[in-house]
Amino acid sequence: MSDYTPDRWVVVKITTDKETLYKVFACWYGGYAGSDSWQMNSGIKSVGEDESYFMFNGYSGSVYRCHKMSYGTNGYGGSVLANFIDKAEYKIEIMPENTNWKELNYACEV
């Protein structure tokens, strides 16, 4: 089990013939002499919330603690995600920032 706190994040909706799945696409800035990075979680199982953060609980047991004011991607992460969307054999869409994350149905739909 791992906990992550990304610098920037978005939720993507992935729709195939068999299921709909929501995932956190997280980005980090590399800082001085470092490289920007990204990571996508295993899929959102449930969501918690406090005053400043959403806590997205993944199927693998990881938790992504995402600041409410940091929705979006960095330049590197945005280009990686755009490449995923362009080359996907299924539909991937970035969810709007004003989505009520606690009201979505995160059970995989078949």
Protein backbone atom coordinates (compact mmCIF):
# COMPACT_ATOMS: atom_id res chain seq x y z
CA MET A 1 0.00 0.00 0.00
CA SER A 2 1.36 3.43 -0.94
CA ASP A 3 0.28 7.00 -0.41
CA TYR A 4 0.94 9.65 -3.06
CA THR A 5 0.48 13.42 -3.06
CA PRO A 6 0.84 14.70 -6.63
CA ASP A 7 1.65 18.28 -7.58
CA ARG A 8 -1.04 18.18 -10.30
CA TRP A 9 -3.76 15.63 -11.07
CA VAL A 10 -6.79 14.84 -13.21
CA VAL A 11 -9.32 12.05 -13.24
CA VAL A 12 -9.70 10.17 -16.50
CA LYS A 13 -12.71 8.12 -17.53
CA ILE A 14 -11.81 5.03 -19.54
CA THR A 15 -14.65 3.38 -21.43
CA THR A 16 -14.29 0.03 -23.18
CA ASP A 17 -16.87 -2.36 -24.62
CA LYS A 18 -17.01 -4.12 -21.24
CA GLU A 19 -16.45 -1.52 -18.53
CA THR A 20 -16.12 2.07 -17.43
CA LEU A 21 -13.23 2.84 -15.11
CA TYR A 22 -12.07 6.05 -13.46
CA LYS A 23 -8.36 6.59 -12.73
CA VAL A 24 -6.22 9.31 -11.20
CA PHE A 25 -3.54 10.58 -13.57
CA ALA A 26 -0.99 12.23 -11.29
CA CYS A 27 1.96 14.50 -12.13
CA TRP A 28 4.97 15.71 -10.17
CA TYR A 29 7.43 18.49 -10.96
CA GLY A 30 11.04 17.40 -10.97
CA GLY A 31 12.49 20.57 -9.52
CA TYR A 32 16.09 21.64 -9.92
CA ALA A 33 18.13 18.92 -11.68
CA GLY A 34 15.17 16.54 -11.56
CA SER A 35 12.70 15.28 -14.14
CA ASP A 36 8.95 15.72 -14.17
CA SER A 37 7.09 12.45 -13.69
CA TRP A 38 3.61 10.99 -13.94
CA GLN A 39 1.73 7.95 -12.70
CA MET A 40 -1.76 6.53 -13.18
CA ASN A 41 -3.47 4.65 -10.38
CA SER A 42 -5.04 1.19 -10.64
CA GLY A 43 -8.55 2.61 -10.68
CA ILE A 44 -10.62 4.57 -8.19
CA LYS A 45 -12.49 2.39 -5.70
CA SER A 46 -13.78 5.17 -3.40
CA VAL A 47 -13.19 8.81 -2.48
CA GLY A 48 -12.76 10.61 0.83
CA GLU A 49 -12.52 14.34 1.37
CA ASP A 50 -11.33 16.90 3.88
CA GLU A 51 -11.17 20.68 3.68
CA SER A 52 -8.26 20.80 1.24
CA TYR A 53 -7.85 17.34 -0.30
CA PHE A 54 -9.64 14.51 -2.05
CA MET A 55 -8.35 11.08 -1.07
CA PHE A 56 -8.79 8.65 -3.98
CA ASN A 57 -8.56 5.03 -2.81
CA GLY A 58 -7.32 2.69 -5.53
CA TYR A 59 -7.97 -0.98 -6.23
CA SER A 60 -4.33 -1.78 -5.37
CA GLY A 61 -4.72 -0.22 -1.90
CA SER A 62 -2.87 2.98 -2.74
CA VAL A 63 -4.23 6.39 -1.78
CA TYR A 64 -3.79 9.50 -3.92
CA ARG A 65 -4.13 12.61 -1.74
CA CYS A 66 -4.97 15.30 -4.30
CA HIS A 67 -5.17 18.99 -3.39
CA LYS A 68 -8.45 20.52 -4.52
CA MET A 69 -6.69 23.56 -6.05
CA SER A 70 -4.22 21.48 -8.14
CA TYR A 71 -6.49 20.00 -10.81
CA GLY A 72 -4.71 19.80 -14.15
CA THR A 73 -1.42 18.47 -15.51
CA ASN A 74 2.08 19.79 -15.91
CA GLY A 75 3.53 20.13 -19.42
CA TYR A 76 5.18 16.71 -19.47
CA GLY A 77 2.20 14.90 -17.95
CA GLY A 78 -0.19 16.66 -20.29
CA SER A 79 1.75 15.50 -23.33
CA VAL A 80 1.90 11.92 -22.02
CA LEU A 81 -1.85 11.91 -21.38
CA ALA A 82 -2.59 13.43 -24.81
CA ASN A 83 -0.51 10.64 -26.37
CA PHE A 84 -2.49 8.02 -24.43
CA ILE A 85 -5.77 9.53 -25.61
CA ASP A 86 -4.61 9.74 -29.25
CA LYS A 87 -3.39 6.14 -29.40
CA ALA A 88 -6.00 4.39 -27.24
CA GLU A 89 -8.15 1.63 -28.69
CA TYR A 90 -10.92 2.71 -26.32
CA LYS A 91 -12.36 6.02 -25.17
CA ILE A 92 -10.35 8.08 -22.65
CA GLU A 93 -11.64 11.43 -21.51
CA ILE A 94 -10.49 13.92 -18.89
CA MET A 95 -13.25 14.60 -16.39
CA PRO A 96 -14.22 18.24 -15.76
CA GLU A 97 -12.67 19.87 -12.69
CA ASN A 98 -16.08 20.66 -11.19
CA THR A 99 -17.14 16.97 -11.12
CA ASN A 100 -18.57 15.83 -7.78
CA TRP A 101 -16.07 13.01 -7.18
CA LYS A 102 -18.04 11.57 -4.28
CA GLU A 103 -21.18 11.03 -6.38
CA LEU A 104 -19.64 9.03 -9.24
CA ASN A 105 -20.27 5.30 -9.44
CA TYR A 106 -16.78 3.81 -9.21
CA ALA A 107 -17.88 0.18 -9.49
CA CYS A 108 -16.70 -1.17 -12.81
CA GLU A 109 -19.72 -1.20 -15.09
CA VAL A 110 -20.17 -4.11 -17.47
